[in-house]
Amino acid sequence: MWKTKNKIYAITMNNKQKGKNMAKNVLIIHGHTDPSQSYSTNKIVADLAKAFPTAEVDNLAEIYPDWKFDVTKEQQKVLDADIIVIQAPVFWYSLPSITQKWLEDVFTHGFAYGSNVTTLHGKKLILSVTTGGPQEAYTALGKQVADCFDRFDVIAKFTGLEFYKFVGSYGHLALTHTPEDLNEKCDKVVAQIKEAIEKA
C-alpha cells in the first residue's frame, strides 16, 4: 500500500520541483466537531477560502460525518500542500476530538514519520485556535492558550514539519458577544493567517 503512495509522492514532488515559483498550495482543515454550532470557525475558514480560492478546504465533520476518514485521500491532500492550516476551537484545552483523530489517522508511521521518511519535511503548519472564554480565564491559571499546544513543537520536530505560526484568539462565545464583536475578532485572525501564508 505504501509503495503506491510512494509513487504518488514522487510524482507530487516532481511537479513541485518543476514549478518552484508557483503559488503555494494551501490545505485548510476545518476542525470543529459540529460546524452548525460554530460561528467563528465557519467564518474564518470561509474568509480564508475567499482569500485563497485555490486552497483545499477540508471540513472534516461535513465530509466525514461518521468520522471514518479516507486515509489515502487525506494523505494525498497533505502531500499536495505546501502549507497546512488547522482552524479549530479549543475544547478542554486541546483540539476537538475529530481534529485529533484526523492527526492520528493520517499522520501514520511510514507516511509522516519513520526511518528515512521525509514526506512532511519543509511543509509549514499554521495552527489557529479560538477559545470560548476570555483571556482572563487562562491567565487566572497562569497560562496562555498557546501553552496548551506546546506539543506541536515536538510533533513538528518529530515529523519534519515547520511549526510556522500559532494564532490564538480569545472570547468567541456567541452567547456573550454581538455578531459585530465576533466578526472583528475573526477578521483579525484571518489577517494574521493571510499575512503568514503570503510571507511563507
N, C-alpha and C. Protein backbone atom coordinates (compact mmCIF):
# COMPACT_ATOMS: atom_id res chain seq x y z
N MET A 1 0.83 -1.20 0.00
CA MET A 1 0.00 0.00 0.00
C MET A 1 0.87 1.26 0.00
N TRP A 2 1.92 1.23 0.81
CA TRP A 2 2.80 2.41 0.86
C TRP A 2 3.55 2.59 -0.46
N LYS A 3 3.81 1.50 -1.17
CA LYS A 3 4.51 1.63 -2.45
C LYS A 3 3.70 2.50 -3.41
N THR A 4 2.39 2.30 -3.39
CA THR A 4 1.53 3.11 -4.26
C THR A 4 1.61 4.57 -3.85
N LYS A 5 1.53 4.81 -2.53
CA LYS A 5 1.60 6.19 -2.06
C LYS A 5 2.96 6.79 -2.38
N ASN A 6 3.99 5.97 -2.29
CA ASN A 6 5.34 6.46 -2.55
C ASN A 6 5.46 6.93 -4.00
N LYS A 7 4.81 6.20 -4.93
CA LYS A 7 4.82 6.61 -6.33
C LYS A 7 4.11 7.95 -6.48
N ILE A 8 2.96 8.08 -5.80
CA ILE A 8 2.23 9.34 -5.85
C ILE A 8 3.08 10.47 -5.30
N TYR A 9 3.77 10.17 -4.22
CA TYR A 9 4.63 11.18 -3.59
C TYR A 9 5.72 11.64 -4.56
N ALA A 10 6.33 10.70 -5.25
CA ALA A 10 7.39 11.05 -6.19
C ALA A 10 6.86 11.95 -7.30
N ILE A 11 5.67 11.63 -7.80
CA ILE A 11 5.06 12.44 -8.85
C ILE A 11 4.78 13.84 -8.33
N THR A 12 4.24 13.91 -7.10
CA THR A 12 3.92 15.20 -6.49
C THR A 12 5.17 16.05 -6.36
N MET A 13 6.24 15.45 -5.86
CA MET A 13 7.48 16.19 -5.66
C MET A 13 8.05 16.67 -7.00
N ASN A 14 7.99 15.83 -8.02
CA ASN A 14 8.50 16.23 -9.33
C ASN A 14 7.74 17.42 -9.87
N ASN A 15 6.41 17.41 -9.70
CA ASN A 15 5.60 18.53 -10.16
C ASN A 15 5.96 19.81 -9.43
N LYS A 16 6.22 19.71 -8.14
CA LYS A 16 6.58 20.89 -7.35
C LYS A 16 7.95 21.42 -7.76
N GLN A 17 8.87 20.50 -8.05
CA GLN A 17 10.21 20.93 -8.44
C GLN A 17 10.17 21.68 -9.77
N LYS A 18 9.25 21.29 -10.64
CA LYS A 18 9.13 21.96 -11.93
C LYS A 18 8.53 23.36 -11.77
N GLY A 19 7.73 23.54 -10.71
CA GLY A 19 7.05 24.82 -10.57
C GLY A 19 7.34 25.49 -9.25
N LYS A 20 8.62 25.67 -8.95
CA LYS A 20 9.00 26.25 -7.67
C LYS A 20 8.46 27.66 -7.48
N ASN A 21 8.25 28.36 -8.57
CA ASN A 21 7.80 29.74 -8.47
C ASN A 21 6.28 29.86 -8.46
N MET A 22 5.59 28.73 -8.51
CA MET A 22 4.13 28.76 -8.49
C MET A 22 3.63 29.12 -7.10
N ALA A 23 2.36 29.55 -7.01
CA ALA A 23 1.76 29.91 -5.73
C ALA A 23 1.76 28.69 -4.81
N LYS A 24 1.83 28.96 -3.52
CA LYS A 24 1.84 27.88 -2.54
C LYS A 24 0.50 27.15 -2.53
N ASN A 25 0.57 25.84 -2.37
CA ASN A 25 -0.64 25.03 -2.21
C ASN A 25 -1.02 25.02 -0.73
N VAL A 26 -2.25 25.41 -0.44
CA VAL A 26 -2.71 25.55 0.93
C VAL A 26 -3.82 24.55 1.22
N LEU A 27 -3.69 23.83 2.32
CA LEU A 27 -4.73 22.93 2.82
C LEU A 27 -5.28 23.52 4.10
N ILE A 28 -6.59 23.76 4.14
CA ILE A 28 -7.23 24.33 5.32
C ILE A 28 -8.10 23.26 5.97
N ILE A 29 -7.79 22.92 7.20
CA ILE A 29 -8.55 21.93 7.95
C ILE A 29 -9.56 22.65 8.84
N HIS A 30 -10.85 22.42 8.58
CA HIS A 30 -11.92 22.93 9.44
C HIS A 30 -12.13 21.87 10.52
N GLY A 31 -11.71 22.19 11.74
CA GLY A 31 -11.63 21.16 12.77
C GLY A 31 -12.71 21.15 13.83
N HIS A 32 -13.85 21.77 13.57
CA HIS A 32 -14.93 21.77 14.57
C HIS A 32 -15.72 20.48 14.45
N THR A 33 -16.08 19.88 15.57
CA THR A 33 -16.85 18.64 15.54
C THR A 33 -18.27 18.84 15.04
N ASP A 34 -18.82 20.05 15.20
CA ASP A 34 -20.18 20.34 14.77
C ASP A 34 -20.22 21.74 14.16
N PRO A 35 -19.95 21.85 12.85
CA PRO A 35 -19.90 23.16 12.22
C PRO A 35 -21.18 23.99 12.39
N SER A 36 -22.32 23.33 12.56
CA SER A 36 -23.57 24.06 12.72
C SER A 36 -23.60 24.86 14.02
N GLN A 37 -22.72 24.51 14.95
CA GLN A 37 -22.66 25.19 16.24
C GLN A 37 -21.49 26.17 16.33
N SER A 38 -20.84 26.42 15.21
CA SER A 38 -19.66 27.27 15.25
C SER A 38 -19.82 28.47 14.34
N TYR A 39 -19.79 29.66 14.91
CA TYR A 39 -19.82 30.88 14.11
C TYR A 39 -18.40 31.24 13.66
N SER A 40 -17.49 31.30 14.62
CA SER A 40 -16.15 31.80 14.33
C SER A 40 -15.36 30.89 13.40
N THR A 41 -15.36 29.59 13.68
CA THR A 41 -14.60 28.67 12.82
C THR A 41 -15.13 28.71 11.39
N ASN A 42 -16.46 28.72 11.26
CA ASN A 42 -17.05 28.79 9.91
C ASN A 42 -16.64 30.06 9.18
N LYS A 43 -16.71 31.18 9.87
CA LYS A 43 -16.40 32.46 9.23
C LYS A 43 -14.92 32.55 8.85
N ILE A 44 -14.06 32.14 9.76
CA ILE A 44 -12.62 32.21 9.49
C ILE A 44 -12.25 31.35 8.29
N VAL A 45 -12.76 30.13 8.27
CA VAL A 45 -12.46 29.23 7.15
C VAL A 45 -13.04 29.76 5.85
N ALA A 46 -14.27 30.27 5.89
CA ALA A 46 -14.90 30.81 4.69
C ALA A 46 -14.12 32.01 4.15
N ASP A 47 -13.68 32.88 5.04
CA ASP A 47 -12.92 34.07 4.62
C ASP A 47 -11.55 33.69 4.07
N LEU A 48 -10.93 32.67 4.66
CA LEU A 48 -9.65 32.20 4.12
C LEU A 48 -9.83 31.58 2.73
N ALA A 49 -10.93 30.86 2.56
CA ALA A 49 -11.21 30.25 1.26
C ALA A 49 -11.41 31.32 0.19
N LYS A 50 -12.01 32.45 0.58
CA LYS A 50 -12.18 33.55 -0.37
C LYS A 50 -10.84 34.21 -0.69
N ALA A 51 -10.01 34.33 0.34
CA ALA A 51 -8.70 34.96 0.14
C ALA A 51 -7.77 34.09 -0.69
N PHE A 52 -7.92 32.77 -0.55
CA PHE A 52 -7.07 31.83 -1.28
C PHE A 52 -7.97 30.83 -2.02
N PRO A 53 -8.53 31.25 -3.16
CA PRO A 53 -9.54 30.44 -3.86
C PRO A 53 -9.03 29.09 -4.37
N THR A 54 -7.73 28.91 -4.48
CA THR A 54 -7.21 27.61 -4.93
C THR A 54 -6.92 26.68 -3.75
N ALA A 55 -7.14 27.15 -2.54
CA ALA A 55 -6.87 26.32 -1.37
C ALA A 55 -7.84 25.15 -1.30
N GLU A 56 -7.36 24.04 -0.75
CA GLU A 56 -8.20 22.88 -0.47
C GLU A 56 -8.79 23.06 0.92
N VAL A 57 -10.12 23.09 1.01
CA VAL A 57 -10.79 23.23 2.30
C VAL A 57 -11.34 21.87 2.72
N ASP A 58 -10.91 21.42 3.88
CA ASP A 58 -11.25 20.09 4.37
C ASP A 58 -12.12 20.24 5.62
N ASN A 59 -13.43 20.30 5.43
CA ASN A 59 -14.36 20.39 6.56
C ASN A 59 -14.61 18.97 7.06
N LEU A 60 -13.87 18.59 8.07
CA LEU A 60 -13.83 17.19 8.50
C LEU A 60 -15.21 16.64 8.85
N ALA A 61 -15.98 17.36 9.64
CA ALA A 61 -17.27 16.86 10.11
C ALA A 61 -18.29 16.75 8.98
N GLU A 62 -18.18 17.63 7.97
CA GLU A 62 -19.11 17.57 6.85
C GLU A 62 -18.74 16.47 5.87
N ILE A 63 -17.45 16.31 5.61
CA ILE A 63 -17.00 15.28 4.67
C ILE A 63 -17.12 13.89 5.28
N TYR A 64 -16.84 13.82 6.57
CA TYR A 64 -16.84 12.52 7.26
C TYR A 64 -17.74 12.57 8.49
N PRO A 65 -19.06 12.60 8.31
CA PRO A 65 -19.96 12.66 9.48
C PRO A 65 -19.85 11.44 10.40
N ASP A 66 -19.34 10.32 9.85
CA ASP A 66 -19.13 9.13 10.67
C ASP A 66 -17.72 9.07 11.25
N TRP A 67 -16.91 10.10 10.94
CA TRP A 67 -15.54 10.21 11.43
C TRP A 67 -14.62 9.11 10.89
N LYS A 68 -15.04 8.44 9.82
CA LYS A 68 -14.21 7.40 9.21
C LYS A 68 -13.50 8.02 8.01
N PHE A 69 -12.28 8.44 8.23
CA PHE A 69 -11.55 9.17 7.21
C PHE A 69 -11.08 8.25 6.08
N ASP A 70 -11.09 8.78 4.87
CA ASP A 70 -10.43 8.12 3.75
C ASP A 70 -8.96 8.50 3.87
N VAL A 71 -8.20 7.65 4.52
CA VAL A 71 -6.83 7.99 4.88
C VAL A 71 -5.97 8.25 3.65
N THR A 72 -6.12 7.43 2.63
CA THR A 72 -5.32 7.63 1.41
C THR A 72 -5.61 8.99 0.80
N LYS A 73 -6.87 9.36 0.75
CA LYS A 73 -7.26 10.65 0.16
C LYS A 73 -6.74 11.80 1.02
N GLU A 74 -6.85 11.65 2.34
CA GLU A 74 -6.39 12.72 3.24
C GLU A 74 -4.87 12.86 3.20
N GLN A 75 -4.18 11.74 3.08
CA GLN A 75 -2.73 11.82 2.98
C GLN A 75 -2.31 12.49 1.68
N GLN A 76 -3.05 12.25 0.61
CA GLN A 76 -2.73 12.91 -0.66
C GLN A 76 -2.93 14.42 -0.54
N LYS A 77 -3.95 14.85 0.19
CA LYS A 77 -4.16 16.28 0.40
C LYS A 77 -2.98 16.89 1.14
N VAL A 78 -2.47 16.16 2.11
CA VAL A 78 -1.29 16.63 2.86
C VAL A 78 -0.08 16.68 1.94
N LEU A 79 0.09 15.65 1.12
CA LEU A 79 1.20 15.61 0.17
C LEU A 79 1.18 16.80 -0.78
N ASP A 80 -0.01 17.16 -1.23
CA ASP A 80 -0.15 18.24 -2.20
C ASP A 80 0.08 19.62 -1.60
N ALA A 81 0.00 19.72 -0.28
CA ALA A 81 0.05 21.02 0.38
C ALA A 81 1.48 21.46 0.69
N ASP A 82 1.71 22.75 0.51
CA ASP A 82 2.93 23.38 1.00
C ASP A 82 2.71 23.93 2.40
N ILE A 83 1.47 24.38 2.64
CA ILE A 83 1.10 24.97 3.92
C ILE A 83 -0.18 24.30 4.41
N ILE A 84 -0.17 23.84 5.64
CA ILE A 84 -1.34 23.23 6.26
C ILE A 84 -1.85 24.17 7.34
N VAL A 85 -3.09 24.59 7.21
CA VAL A 85 -3.72 25.45 8.21
C VAL A 85 -4.77 24.63 8.96
N ILE A 86 -4.61 24.51 10.26
CA ILE A 86 -5.63 23.87 11.08
C ILE A 86 -6.38 24.97 11.83
N GLN A 87 -7.68 25.08 11.58
CA GLN A 87 -8.51 26.07 12.25
C GLN A 87 -9.53 25.32 13.10
N ALA A 88 -9.50 25.57 14.40
CA ALA A 88 -10.37 24.81 15.29
C ALA A 88 -10.62 25.59 16.58
N PRO A 89 -11.70 25.24 17.27
CA PRO A 89 -11.91 25.80 18.60
C PRO A 89 -11.09 25.03 19.63
N VAL A 90 -10.97 25.58 20.80
CA VAL A 90 -10.30 24.90 21.91
C VAL A 90 -11.35 24.17 22.74
N PHE A 91 -11.22 22.86 22.84
CA PHE A 91 -12.10 22.04 23.68
C PHE A 91 -11.24 21.44 24.79
N TRP A 92 -11.56 21.73 26.03
CA TRP A 92 -10.81 21.18 27.15
C TRP A 92 -9.30 21.35 26.97
N TYR A 93 -8.91 22.57 26.60
CA TYR A 93 -7.50 22.95 26.49
C TYR A 93 -6.75 22.13 25.45
N SER A 94 -7.48 21.69 24.43
CA SER A 94 -6.86 20.90 23.37
C SER A 94 -7.67 21.07 22.09
N LEU A 95 -7.30 20.32 21.06
CA LEU A 95 -8.06 20.32 19.83
C LEU A 95 -9.33 19.48 19.97
N PRO A 96 -10.36 19.76 19.19
CA PRO A 96 -11.54 18.90 19.18
C PRO A 96 -11.17 17.46 18.81
N SER A 97 -11.97 16.53 19.28
CA SER A 97 -11.63 15.11 19.09
C SER A 97 -11.56 14.72 17.62
N ILE A 98 -12.38 15.33 16.76
CA ILE A 98 -12.34 14.96 15.34
C ILE A 98 -11.02 15.40 14.71
N THR A 99 -10.50 16.54 15.14
CA THR A 99 -9.23 17.02 14.60
C THR A 99 -8.08 16.15 15.10
N GLN A 100 -8.14 15.79 16.36
CA GLN A 100 -7.12 14.91 16.92
C GLN A 100 -7.14 13.55 16.22
N LYS A 101 -8.35 13.04 15.94
CA LYS A 101 -8.46 11.75 15.25
C LYS A 101 -7.89 11.85 13.84
N TRP A 102 -8.11 12.98 13.18
CA TRP A 102 -7.56 13.18 11.84
C TRP A 102 -6.03 13.10 11.90
N LEU A 103 -5.43 13.77 12.87
CA LEU A 103 -3.98 13.71 13.03
C LEU A 103 -3.51 12.28 13.25
N GLU A 104 -4.19 11.57 14.12
CA GLU A 104 -3.77 10.21 14.45
C GLU A 104 -3.95 9.25 13.28
N ASP A 105 -5.03 9.42 12.52
CA ASP A 105 -5.31 8.51 11.40
C ASP A 105 -4.46 8.81 10.17
N VAL A 106 -4.15 10.09 9.96
CA VAL A 106 -3.48 10.50 8.73
C VAL A 106 -1.96 10.53 8.90
N PHE A 107 -1.47 11.00 10.03
CA PHE A 107 -0.03 11.12 10.26
C PHE A 107 0.52 9.80 10.79
N THR A 108 0.49 8.79 9.95
CA THR A 108 0.84 7.44 10.37
C THR A 108 2.32 7.12 10.13
N HIS A 109 2.76 6.04 10.76
CA HIS A 109 4.11 5.54 10.54
C HIS A 109 4.27 5.13 9.08
N GLY A 110 5.38 5.50 8.50
CA GLY A 110 5.61 5.20 7.10
C GLY A 110 5.15 6.32 6.18
N PHE A 111 4.28 7.18 6.69
CA PHE A 111 3.84 8.35 5.93
C PHE A 111 4.40 9.62 6.53
N ALA A 112 4.12 9.84 7.80
CA ALA A 112 4.55 11.09 8.45
C ALA A 112 5.86 10.94 9.20
N TYR A 113 6.21 9.73 9.56
CA TYR A 113 7.45 9.51 10.32
C TYR A 113 7.92 8.08 10.12
N GLY A 114 9.14 7.84 10.50
CA GLY A 114 9.74 6.52 10.35
C GLY A 114 11.12 6.64 9.71
N SER A 115 11.80 5.53 9.60
CA SER A 115 13.15 5.53 9.04
C SER A 115 13.14 6.04 7.60
N ASN A 116 13.94 7.07 7.35
CA ASN A 116 14.10 7.63 6.01
C ASN A 116 12.81 8.22 5.42
N VAL A 117 11.84 8.53 6.27
CA VAL A 117 10.59 9.14 5.80
C VAL A 117 10.74 10.66 5.87
N THR A 118 10.57 11.31 4.73
CA THR A 118 10.73 12.77 4.66
C THR A 118 9.49 13.45 4.06
N THR A 119 8.38 12.77 4.11
CA THR A 119 7.15 13.25 3.46
C THR A 119 6.78 14.67 3.86
N LEU A 120 6.87 14.98 5.14
CA LEU A 120 6.40 16.27 5.63
C LEU A 120 7.49 17.32 5.74
N HIS A 121 8.71 16.94 5.43
CA HIS A 121 9.83 17.87 5.58
C HIS A 121 9.62 19.11 4.70
N GLY A 122 9.76 20.25 5.31
CA GLY A 122 9.65 21.50 4.56
C GLY A 122 8.25 22.06 4.47
N LYS A 123 7.25 21.28 4.81
CA LYS A 123 5.88 21.79 4.81
C LYS A 123 5.67 22.65 6.05
N LYS A 124 4.86 23.67 5.92
CA LYS A 124 4.63 24.61 7.02
C LYS A 124 3.26 24.36 7.64
N LEU A 125 3.21 24.41 8.96
CA LEU A 125 1.95 24.24 9.70
C LEU A 125 1.58 25.54 10.38
N ILE A 126 0.35 25.98 10.13
CA ILE A 126 -0.23 27.12 10.85
C ILE A 126 -1.37 26.57 11.70
N LEU A 127 -1.25 26.70 13.00
CA LEU A 127 -2.30 26.24 13.91
C LEU A 127 -3.02 27.46 14.46
N SER A 128 -4.31 27.55 14.20
CA SER A 128 -5.11 28.69 14.65
C SER A 128 -6.29 28.19 15.46
N VAL A 129 -6.42 28.70 16.67
CA VAL A 129 -7.50 28.24 17.55
C VAL A 129 -8.25 29.42 18.13
N THR A 130 -9.51 29.18 18.43
CA THR A 130 -10.34 30.17 19.11
C THR A 130 -10.86 29.59 20.41
N THR A 131 -10.96 30.43 21.42
CA THR A 131 -11.49 30.00 22.70
C THR A 131 -12.86 30.61 22.92
N GLY A 132 -13.69 29.92 23.70
CA GLY A 132 -14.97 30.49 24.07
C GLY A 132 -14.80 31.52 25.17
N GLY A 133 -13.94 31.19 26.12
CA GLY A 133 -13.72 32.06 27.27
C GLY A 133 -12.75 33.19 26.98
N PRO A 134 -12.72 34.17 27.87
CA PRO A 134 -11.81 35.31 27.70
C PRO A 134 -10.39 34.94 28.09
N GLN A 135 -9.47 35.81 27.78
CA GLN A 135 -8.07 35.57 28.09
C GLN A 135 -7.86 35.42 29.60
N GLU A 136 -8.67 36.15 30.38
CA GLU A 136 -8.53 36.10 31.84
C GLU A 136 -8.76 34.69 32.39
N ALA A 137 -9.57 33.89 31.69
CA ALA A 137 -9.82 32.52 32.14
C ALA A 137 -8.55 31.68 32.07
N TYR A 138 -7.61 32.07 31.23
CA TYR A 138 -6.34 31.36 31.10
C TYR A 138 -5.28 31.96 32.02
N THR A 139 -5.22 33.29 32.04
CA THR A 139 -4.20 33.93 32.88
C THR A 139 -4.46 33.65 34.36
N ALA A 140 -5.72 33.42 34.71
CA ALA A 140 -6.05 33.08 36.10
C ALA A 140 -5.42 31.75 36.50
N LEU A 141 -5.14 30.92 35.51
CA LEU A 141 -4.48 29.63 35.75
C LEU A 141 -2.98 29.72 35.53
N GLY A 142 -2.51 30.94 35.25
CA GLY A 142 -1.09 31.12 34.98
C GLY A 142 -0.68 30.66 33.61
N LYS A 143 -1.63 30.63 32.68
CA LYS A 143 -1.37 30.12 31.34
C LYS A 143 -1.88 31.07 30.26
N GLN A 144 -1.39 30.84 29.05
CA GLN A 144 -1.96 31.42 27.84
C GLN A 144 -2.42 30.25 26.96
N VAL A 145 -3.31 30.53 26.03
CA VAL A 145 -3.82 29.43 25.21
C VAL A 145 -2.69 28.74 24.44
N ALA A 146 -1.66 29.47 24.08
CA ALA A 146 -0.54 28.87 23.35
C ALA A 146 0.13 27.76 24.16
N ASP A 147 0.08 27.89 25.49
CA ASP A 147 0.71 26.86 26.34
C ASP A 147 0.05 25.50 26.16
N CYS A 148 -1.22 25.48 25.76
CA CYS A 148 -1.94 24.22 25.60
C CYS A 148 -1.49 23.44 24.38
N PHE A 149 -0.72 24.09 23.51
CA PHE A 149 -0.35 23.46 22.25
C PHE A 149 1.15 23.37 22.04
N ASP A 150 1.89 23.35 23.17
CA ASP A 150 3.34 23.20 23.10
C ASP A 150 3.75 21.91 22.40
N ARG A 151 2.88 20.90 22.48
CA ARG A 151 3.22 19.60 21.90
C ARG A 151 3.44 19.67 20.39
N PHE A 152 2.89 20.72 19.75
CA PHE A 152 3.08 20.82 18.31
C PHE A 152 4.51 21.16 17.94
N ASP A 153 5.26 21.75 18.87
CA ASP A 153 6.70 21.92 18.64
C ASP A 153 7.37 20.56 18.52
N VAL A 154 6.96 19.64 19.38
CA VAL A 154 7.53 18.29 19.37
C VAL A 154 7.08 17.53 18.13
N ILE A 155 5.77 17.63 17.82
CA ILE A 155 5.24 16.95 16.63
C ILE A 155 5.97 17.43 15.37
N ALA A 156 6.20 18.74 15.29
CA ALA A 156 6.87 19.31 14.12
C ALA A 156 8.29 18.77 14.00
N LYS A 157 9.02 18.76 15.10
CA LYS A 157 10.40 18.25 15.06
C LYS A 157 10.43 16.76 14.71
N PHE A 158 9.46 16.02 15.21
CA PHE A 158 9.41 14.58 15.00
C PHE A 158 9.12 14.24 13.55
N THR A 159 8.26 15.03 12.90
CA THR A 159 7.83 14.72 11.54
C THR A 159 8.57 15.52 10.47
N GLY A 160 9.30 16.55 10.88
CA GLY A 160 9.98 17.39 9.90
C GLY A 160 9.15 18.56 9.42
N LEU A 161 7.94 18.71 9.98
CA LEU A 161 7.13 19.88 9.68
C LEU A 161 7.79 21.13 10.27
N GLU A 162 7.48 22.27 9.71
CA GLU A 162 7.86 23.53 10.33
C GLU A 162 6.62 24.11 11.00
N PHE A 163 6.66 24.21 12.34
CA PHE A 163 5.55 24.83 13.06
C PHE A 163 5.69 26.33 12.84
N TYR A 164 5.07 26.78 11.76
CA TYR A 164 5.35 28.10 11.20
C TYR A 164 4.70 29.23 11.99
N LYS A 165 3.46 29.03 12.42
CA LYS A 165 2.79 30.10 13.15
C LYS A 165 1.66 29.54 14.01
N PHE A 166 1.51 30.13 15.19
CA PHE A 166 0.37 29.84 16.06
C PHE A 166 -0.46 31.11 16.19
N VAL A 167 -1.77 30.97 16.03
CA VAL A 167 -2.69 32.09 16.22
C VAL A 167 -3.71 31.67 17.27
N GLY A 168 -3.79 32.42 18.34
CA GLY A 168 -4.77 32.14 19.39
C GLY A 168 -5.65 33.36 19.61
N SER A 169 -6.95 33.17 19.54
CA SER A 169 -7.89 34.28 19.68
C SER A 169 -8.90 33.94 20.77
N TYR A 170 -9.05 34.83 21.72
CA TYR A 170 -9.91 34.57 22.89
C TYR A 170 -11.32 35.15 22.70
N GLY A 171 -12.25 34.60 23.49
CA GLY A 171 -13.56 35.20 23.65
C GLY A 171 -14.48 35.09 22.45
N HIS A 172 -14.67 33.88 21.94
CA HIS A 172 -15.54 33.70 20.78
C HIS A 172 -16.87 33.05 21.12
N LEU A 173 -17.29 33.13 22.37
CA LEU A 173 -18.57 32.56 22.76
C LEU A 173 -19.70 33.45 22.24
N ALA A 174 -20.49 32.91 21.33
CA ALA A 174 -21.52 33.72 20.66
C ALA A 174 -22.58 34.24 21.64
N LEU A 175 -22.80 33.53 22.72
CA LEU A 175 -23.83 33.94 23.68
C LEU A 175 -23.48 35.24 24.39
N THR A 176 -22.21 35.56 24.46
CA THR A 176 -21.78 36.75 25.21
C THR A 176 -21.20 37.85 24.33
N HIS A 177 -21.28 37.67 23.01
CA HIS A 177 -20.73 38.68 22.10
C HIS A 177 -21.70 38.95 20.96
N THR A 178 -21.70 40.18 20.49
CA THR A 178 -22.53 40.53 19.35
C THR A 178 -21.87 40.02 18.07
N PRO A 179 -22.65 39.86 17.00
CA PRO A 179 -22.05 39.45 15.72
C PRO A 179 -20.94 40.40 15.27
N GLU A 180 -21.10 41.68 15.56
CA GLU A 180 -20.08 42.66 15.20
C GLU A 180 -18.77 42.39 15.93
N ASP A 181 -18.88 42.07 17.22
CA ASP A 181 -17.69 41.74 18.00
C ASP A 181 -16.99 40.50 17.44
N LEU A 182 -17.79 39.47 17.15
CA LEU A 182 -17.21 38.23 16.64
C LEU A 182 -16.59 38.44 15.27
N ASN A 183 -17.25 39.22 14.44
CA ASN A 183 -16.69 39.49 13.11
C ASN A 183 -15.34 40.18 13.21
N GLU A 184 -15.23 41.12 14.14
CA GLU A 184 -13.97 41.83 14.33
C GLU A 184 -12.87 40.88 14.78
N LYS A 185 -13.20 39.98 15.72
CA LYS A 185 -12.22 39.00 16.19
C LYS A 185 -11.80 38.07 15.05
N CYS A 186 -12.77 37.61 14.28
CA CYS A 186 -12.48 36.70 13.16
C CYS A 186 -11.62 37.39 12.10
N ASP A 187 -11.93 38.63 11.82
CA ASP A 187 -11.16 39.38 10.82
C ASP A 187 -9.69 39.48 11.22
N LYS A 188 -9.44 39.66 12.51
CA LYS A 188 -8.06 39.75 12.99
C LYS A 188 -7.33 38.42 12.82
N VAL A 189 -8.05 37.32 13.07
CA VAL A 189 -7.45 36.00 12.89
C VAL A 189 -7.11 35.78 11.42
N VAL A 190 -8.06 36.08 10.55
CA VAL A 190 -7.85 35.89 9.11
C VAL A 190 -6.67 36.73 8.63
N ALA A 191 -6.58 37.95 9.11
CA ALA A 191 -5.48 38.83 8.70
C ALA A 191 -4.13 38.25 9.08
N GLN A 192 -4.04 37.66 10.28
CA GLN A 192 -2.77 37.06 10.72
C GLN A 192 -2.40 35.85 9.88
N ILE A 193 -3.39 35.00 9.61
CA ILE A 193 -3.12 33.80 8.81
C ILE A 193 -2.77 34.17 7.37
N LYS A 194 -3.52 35.11 6.83
CA LYS A 194 -3.28 35.56 5.45
C LYS A 194 -1.86 36.11 5.31
N GLU A 195 -1.45 36.93 6.27
CA GLU A 195 -0.10 37.51 6.24
C GLU A 195 0.95 36.41 6.30
N ALA A 196 0.72 35.42 7.16
CA ALA A 196 1.69 34.32 7.31
C ALA A 196 1.81 33.51 6.01
N ILE A 197 0.68 33.23 5.38
CA ILE A 197 0.71 32.46 4.14
C ILE A 197 1.42 33.24 3.04
N GLU A 198 1.13 34.53 2.95
CA GLU A 198 1.74 35.35 1.90
C GLU A 198 3.23 35.51 2.08
N LYS A 199 3.69 35.43 3.32
CA LYS A 199 5.13 35.57 3.58
C LYS A 199 5.87 34.25 3.50
N ALA A 200 5.14 33.16 3.49
CA ALA A 200 5.77 31.83 3.53
C ALA A 200 6.58 31.55 2.25
